[in-house]
Amino acid sequence: MRGLWEPWEEDHLVVDSAVGSSELSVSLVVELVRGLRSTGETADPGIVGR
């Protein structure tokens, strides 16, 4: 799996195993990824996989 800090050429949904199937949590993750990509900022690799 690619990390949030790696460039993607297409939209991907990254859901941590702790998120489960909660629609609200999935929505928040999607918004986080979109927000990071739109601002050009990178995520801290330390937060991925917790």
PDB file of N, CA and C in Angstrom:
ATOM      1  N   MET A   1       0.842  -1.181   0.000  1.00  0.00           N
ATOM      2  CA  MET A   1       0.000   0.000   0.000  1.00  0.00           C
ATOM      3  C   MET A   1       0.887   1.245   0.000  1.00  0.00           C
ATOM      4  N   ARG A   2       0.488   2.238  -0.753  1.00  0.00           N
ATOM      5  CA  ARG A   2       1.246   3.486  -0.786  1.00  0.00           C
ATOM      6  C   ARG A   2       0.880   4.356   0.403  1.00  0.00           C
ATOM      7  N   GLY A   3       1.828   5.142   0.855  1.00  0.00           N
ATOM      8  CA  GLY A   3       1.573   6.073   1.945  1.00  0.00           C
ATOM      9  C   GLY A   3       0.946   7.349   1.417  1.00  0.00           C
ATOM     10  N   LEU A   4       0.345   8.111   2.313  1.00  0.00           N
ATOM     11  CA  LEU A   4      -0.285   9.371   1.926  1.00  0.00           C
ATOM     12  C   LEU A   4       0.730  10.358   1.375  1.00  0.00           C
ATOM     13  N   TRP A   5       1.986  10.209   1.781  1.00  0.00           N
ATOM     14  CA  TRP A   5       3.012  11.152   1.352  1.00  0.00           C
ATOM     15  C   TRP A   5       3.553  10.838  -0.037  1.00  0.00           C
ATOM     16  N   GLU A   6       3.173   9.676  -0.598  1.00  0.00           N
ATOM     17  CA  GLU A   6       3.639   9.312  -1.925  1.00  0.00           C
ATOM     18  C   GLU A   6       2.677   9.860  -2.980  1.00  0.00           C
ATOM     19  N   PRO A   7       3.185  10.291  -4.118  1.00  0.00           N
ATOM     20  CA  PRO A   7       2.307  10.840  -5.166  1.00  0.00           C
ATOM     21  C   PRO A   7       1.423   9.770  -5.798  1.00  0.00           C
ATOM     22  N   TRP A   8       0.192  10.136  -6.056  1.00  0.00           N
ATOM     23  CA  TRP A   8      -0.752   9.238  -6.721  1.00  0.00           C
ATOM     24  C   TRP A   8      -1.228   9.886  -7.999  1.00  0.00           C
ATOM     25  N   GLU A   9      -1.453   9.085  -9.006  1.00  0.00           N
ATOM     26  CA  GLU A   9      -1.926   9.610 -10.275  1.00  0.00           C
ATOM     27  C   GLU A   9      -3.435   9.496 -10.394  1.00  0.00           C
ATOM     28  N   GLU A  10      -4.064   8.775  -9.524  1.00  0.00           N
ATOM     29  CA  GLU A  10      -5.513   8.655  -9.533  1.00  0.00           C
ATOM     30  C   GLU A  10      -5.993   8.644  -8.094  1.00  0.00           C
ATOM     31  N   ASP A  11      -7.298   8.884  -7.913  1.00  0.00           N
ATOM     32  CA  ASP A  11      -7.837   8.927  -6.557  1.00  0.00           C
ATOM     33  C   ASP A  11      -7.808   7.543  -5.921  1.00  0.00           C
ATOM     34  N   HIS A  12      -7.396   7.515  -4.673  1.00  0.00           N
ATOM     35  CA  HIS A  12      -7.374   6.276  -3.905  1.00  0.00           C
ATOM     36  C   HIS A  12      -8.042   6.528  -2.571  1.00  0.00           C
ATOM     37  N   LEU A  13      -8.653   5.507  -2.051  1.00  0.00           N
ATOM     38  CA  LEU A  13      -9.250   5.604  -0.723  1.00  0.00           C
ATOM     39  C   LEU A  13      -8.347   4.849   0.239  1.00  0.00           C
ATOM     40  N   VAL A  14      -7.793   5.556   1.184  1.00  0.00           N
ATOM     41  CA  VAL A  14      -6.907   4.947   2.172  1.00  0.00           C
ATOM     42  C   VAL A  14      -7.658   4.855   3.482  1.00  0.00           C
ATOM     43  N   VAL A  15      -7.911   3.642   3.919  1.00  0.00           N
ATOM     44  CA  VAL A  15      -8.657   3.444   5.156  1.00  0.00           C
ATOM     45  C   VAL A  15      -7.826   2.577   6.084  1.00  0.00           C
ATOM     46  N   ASP A  16      -7.497   3.103   7.228  1.00  0.00           N
ATOM     47  CA  ASP A  16      -6.747   2.342   8.220  1.00  0.00           C
ATOM     48  C   ASP A  16      -7.625   1.216   8.744  1.00  0.00           C
ATOM     49  N   SER A  17      -7.031   0.122   9.159  1.00  0.00           N
ATOM     50  CA  SER A  17      -7.799  -1.010   9.664  1.00  0.00           C
ATOM     51  C   SER A  17      -8.644  -0.635  10.868  1.00  0.00           C
ATOM     52  N   ALA A  18      -8.216   0.382  11.604  1.00  0.00           N
ATOM     53  CA  ALA A  18      -8.967   0.814  12.784  1.00  0.00           C
ATOM     54  C   ALA A  18     -10.250   1.547  12.409  1.00  0.00           C
ATOM     55  N   VAL A  19     -10.338   2.030  11.190  1.00  0.00           N
ATOM     56  CA  VAL A  19     -11.523   2.780  10.764  1.00  0.00           C
ATOM     57  C   VAL A  19     -12.729   1.861  10.653  1.00  0.00           C
ATOM     58  N   GLY A  20     -12.514   0.644  10.178  1.00  0.00           N
ATOM     59  CA  GLY A  20     -13.629  -0.281  10.038  1.00  0.00           C
ATOM     60  C   GLY A  20     -14.535   0.139   8.898  1.00  0.00           C
ATOM     61  N   SER A  21     -15.842  -0.067   9.077  1.00  0.00           N
ATOM     62  CA  SER A  21     -16.777   0.222   7.993  1.00  0.00           C
ATOM     63  C   SER A  21     -17.634   1.450   8.261  1.00  0.00           C
ATOM     64  N   SER A  22     -17.264   2.240   9.228  1.00  0.00           N
ATOM     65  CA  SER A  22     -18.044   3.429   9.556  1.00  0.00           C
ATOM     66  C   SER A  22     -18.016   4.424   8.399  1.00  0.00           C
ATOM     67  N   GLU A  23     -19.196   4.769   7.898  1.00  0.00           N
ATOM     68  CA  GLU A  23     -19.272   5.699   6.769  1.00  0.00           C
ATOM     69  C   GLU A  23     -18.722   7.069   7.139  1.00  0.00           C
ATOM     70  N   LEU A  24     -18.952   7.507   8.361  1.00  0.00           N
ATOM     71  CA  LEU A  24     -18.451   8.810   8.796  1.00  0.00           C
ATOM     72  C   LEU A  24     -16.928   8.819   8.792  1.00  0.00           C
ATOM     73  N   SER A  25     -16.321   7.768   9.327  1.00  0.00           N
ATOM     74  CA  SER A  25     -14.857   7.699   9.375  1.00  0.00           C
ATOM     75  C   SER A  25     -14.264   7.657   7.969  1.00  0.00           C
ATOM     76  N   VAL A  26     -14.883   6.883   7.090  1.00  0.00           N
ATOM     77  CA  VAL A  26     -14.403   6.800   5.708  1.00  0.00           C
ATOM     78  C   VAL A  26     -14.499   8.169   5.050  1.00  0.00           C
ATOM     79  N   SER A  27     -15.600   8.862   5.297  1.00  0.00           N
ATOM     80  CA  SER A  27     -15.776  10.201   4.738  1.00  0.00           C
ATOM     81  C   SER A  27     -14.686  11.145   5.223  1.00  0.00           C
ATOM     82  N   LEU A  28     -14.348  11.061   6.506  1.00  0.00           N
ATOM     83  CA  LEU A  28     -13.307  11.922   7.061  1.00  0.00           C
ATOM     84  C   LEU A  28     -11.947  11.620   6.442  1.00  0.00           C
ATOM     85  N   VAL A  29     -11.657  10.347   6.231  1.00  0.00           N
ATOM     86  CA  VAL A  29     -10.387   9.963   5.611  1.00  0.00           C
ATOM     87  C   VAL A  29     -10.319  10.498   4.185  1.00  0.00           C
ATOM     88  N   VAL A  30     -11.427  10.368   3.450  1.00  0.00           N
ATOM     89  CA  VAL A  30     -11.465  10.863   2.070  1.00  0.00           C
ATOM     90  C   VAL A  30     -11.230  12.369   2.043  1.00  0.00           C
ATOM     91  N   GLU A  31     -11.884  13.093   2.946  1.00  0.00           N
ATOM     92  CA  GLU A  31     -11.703  14.544   2.995  1.00  0.00           C
ATOM     93  C   GLU A  31     -10.268  14.915   3.379  1.00  0.00           C
ATOM     94  N   LEU A  32      -9.667  14.153   4.284  1.00  0.00           N
ATOM     95  CA  LEU A  32      -8.279  14.404   4.673  1.00  0.00           C
ATOM     96  C   LEU A  32      -7.351  14.252   3.475  1.00  0.00           C
ATOM     97  N   VAL A  33      -7.518  13.157   2.740  1.00  0.00           N
ATOM     98  CA  VAL A  33      -6.666  12.901   1.577  1.00  0.00           C
ATOM     99  C   VAL A  33      -6.866  13.985   0.527  1.00  0.00           C
ATOM    100  N   ARG A  34      -8.120  14.342   0.261  1.00  0.00           N
ATOM    101  CA  ARG A  34      -8.391  15.393  -0.727  1.00  0.00           C
ATOM    102  C   ARG A  34      -7.784  16.716  -0.285  1.00  0.00           C
ATOM    103  N   GLY A  35      -7.912  17.018   0.993  1.00  0.00           N
ATOM    104  CA  GLY A  35      -7.370  18.266   1.520  1.00  0.00           C
ATOM    105  C   GLY A  35      -5.860  18.325   1.384  1.00  0.00           C
ATOM    106  N   LEU A  36      -5.189  17.234   1.705  1.00  0.00           N
ATOM    107  CA  LEU A  36      -3.731  17.190   1.591  1.00  0.00           C
ATOM    108  C   LEU A  36      -3.294  17.344   0.143  1.00  0.00           C
ATOM    109  N   ARG A  37      -4.012  16.680  -0.749  1.00  0.00           N
ATOM    110  CA  ARG A  37      -3.641  16.729  -2.160  1.00  0.00           C
ATOM    111  C   ARG A  37      -3.909  18.106  -2.750  1.00  0.00           C
ATOM    112  N   SER A  38      -4.993  18.747  -2.332  1.00  0.00           N
ATOM    113  CA  SER A  38      -5.337  20.047  -2.910  1.00  0.00           C
ATOM    114  C   SER A  38      -4.395  21.146  -2.432  1.00  0.00           C
ATOM    115  N   THR A  39      -3.856  21.006  -1.225  1.00  0.00           N
ATOM    116  CA  THR A  39      -2.952  22.028  -0.701  1.00  0.00           C
ATOM    117  C   THR A  39      -1.500  21.727  -1.035  1.00  0.00           C
ATOM    118  N   GLY A  40      -1.234  20.509  -1.490  1.00  0.00           N
ATOM    119  CA  GLY A  40       0.127  20.135  -1.829  1.00  0.00           C
ATOM    120  C   GLY A  40       0.959  19.769  -0.619  1.00  0.00           C
ATOM    121  N   GLU A  41       0.323  19.683   0.547  1.00  0.00           N
ATOM    122  CA  GLU A  41       1.063  19.315   1.748  1.00  0.00           C
ATOM    123  C   GLU A  41       1.198  17.800   1.821  1.00  0.00           C
ATOM    124  N   THR A  42       2.108  17.350   2.658  1.00  0.00           N
ATOM    125  CA  THR A  42       2.307  15.917   2.822  1.00  0.00           C
ATOM    126  C   THR A  42       1.930  15.500   4.231  1.00  0.00           C
ATOM    127  N   ALA A  43       1.526  14.259   4.340  1.00  0.00           N
ATOM    128  CA  ALA A  43       1.175  13.722   5.648  1.00  0.00           C
ATOM    129  C   ALA A  43       2.431  13.223   6.350  1.00  0.00           C
ATOM    130  N   ASP A  44       2.403  13.244   7.638  1.00  0.00           N
ATOM    131  CA  ASP A  44       3.508  12.708   8.428  1.00  0.00           C
ATOM    132  C   ASP A  44       3.474  11.190   8.320  1.00  0.00           C
ATOM    133  N   PRO A  45       4.515  10.557   7.789  1.00  0.00           N
ATOM    134  CA  PRO A  45       4.520   9.098   7.654  1.00  0.00           C
ATOM    135  C   PRO A  45       4.275   8.381   8.977  1.00  0.00           C
ATOM    136  N   GLY A  46       4.556   9.038  10.077  1.00  0.00           N
ATOM    137  CA  GLY A  46       4.362   8.423  11.384  1.00  0.00           C
ATOM    138  C   GLY A  46       2.910   8.191  11.741  1.00  0.00           C
ATOM    139  N   ILE A  47       1.974   8.902  11.082  1.00  0.00           N
ATOM    140  CA  ILE A  47       0.565   8.718  11.421  1.00  0.00           C
ATOM    141  C   ILE A  47      -0.067   7.577  10.650  1.00  0.00           C
ATOM    142  N   VAL A  48       0.595   7.110   9.598  1.00  0.00           N
ATOM    143  CA  VAL A  48       0.035   6.050   8.775  1.00  0.00           C
ATOM    144  C   VAL A  48       0.302   4.702   9.432  1.00  0.00           C
ATOM    145  N   GLY A  49      -0.726   3.886   9.514  1.00  0.00           N
ATOM    146  CA  GLY A  49      -0.568   2.541  10.049  1.00  0.00           C
ATOM    147  C   GLY A  49      -0.791   2.419  11.532  1.00  0.00           C
ATOM    148  N   ARG A  50      -1.236   3.483  12.165  1.00  0.00           N
ATOM    149  CA  ARG A  50      -1.508   3.393  13.599  1.00  0.00           C
ATOM    150  C   ARG A  50      -2.831   2.730  13.840  1.00  0.00           C
TER     151      ARG A  50
END
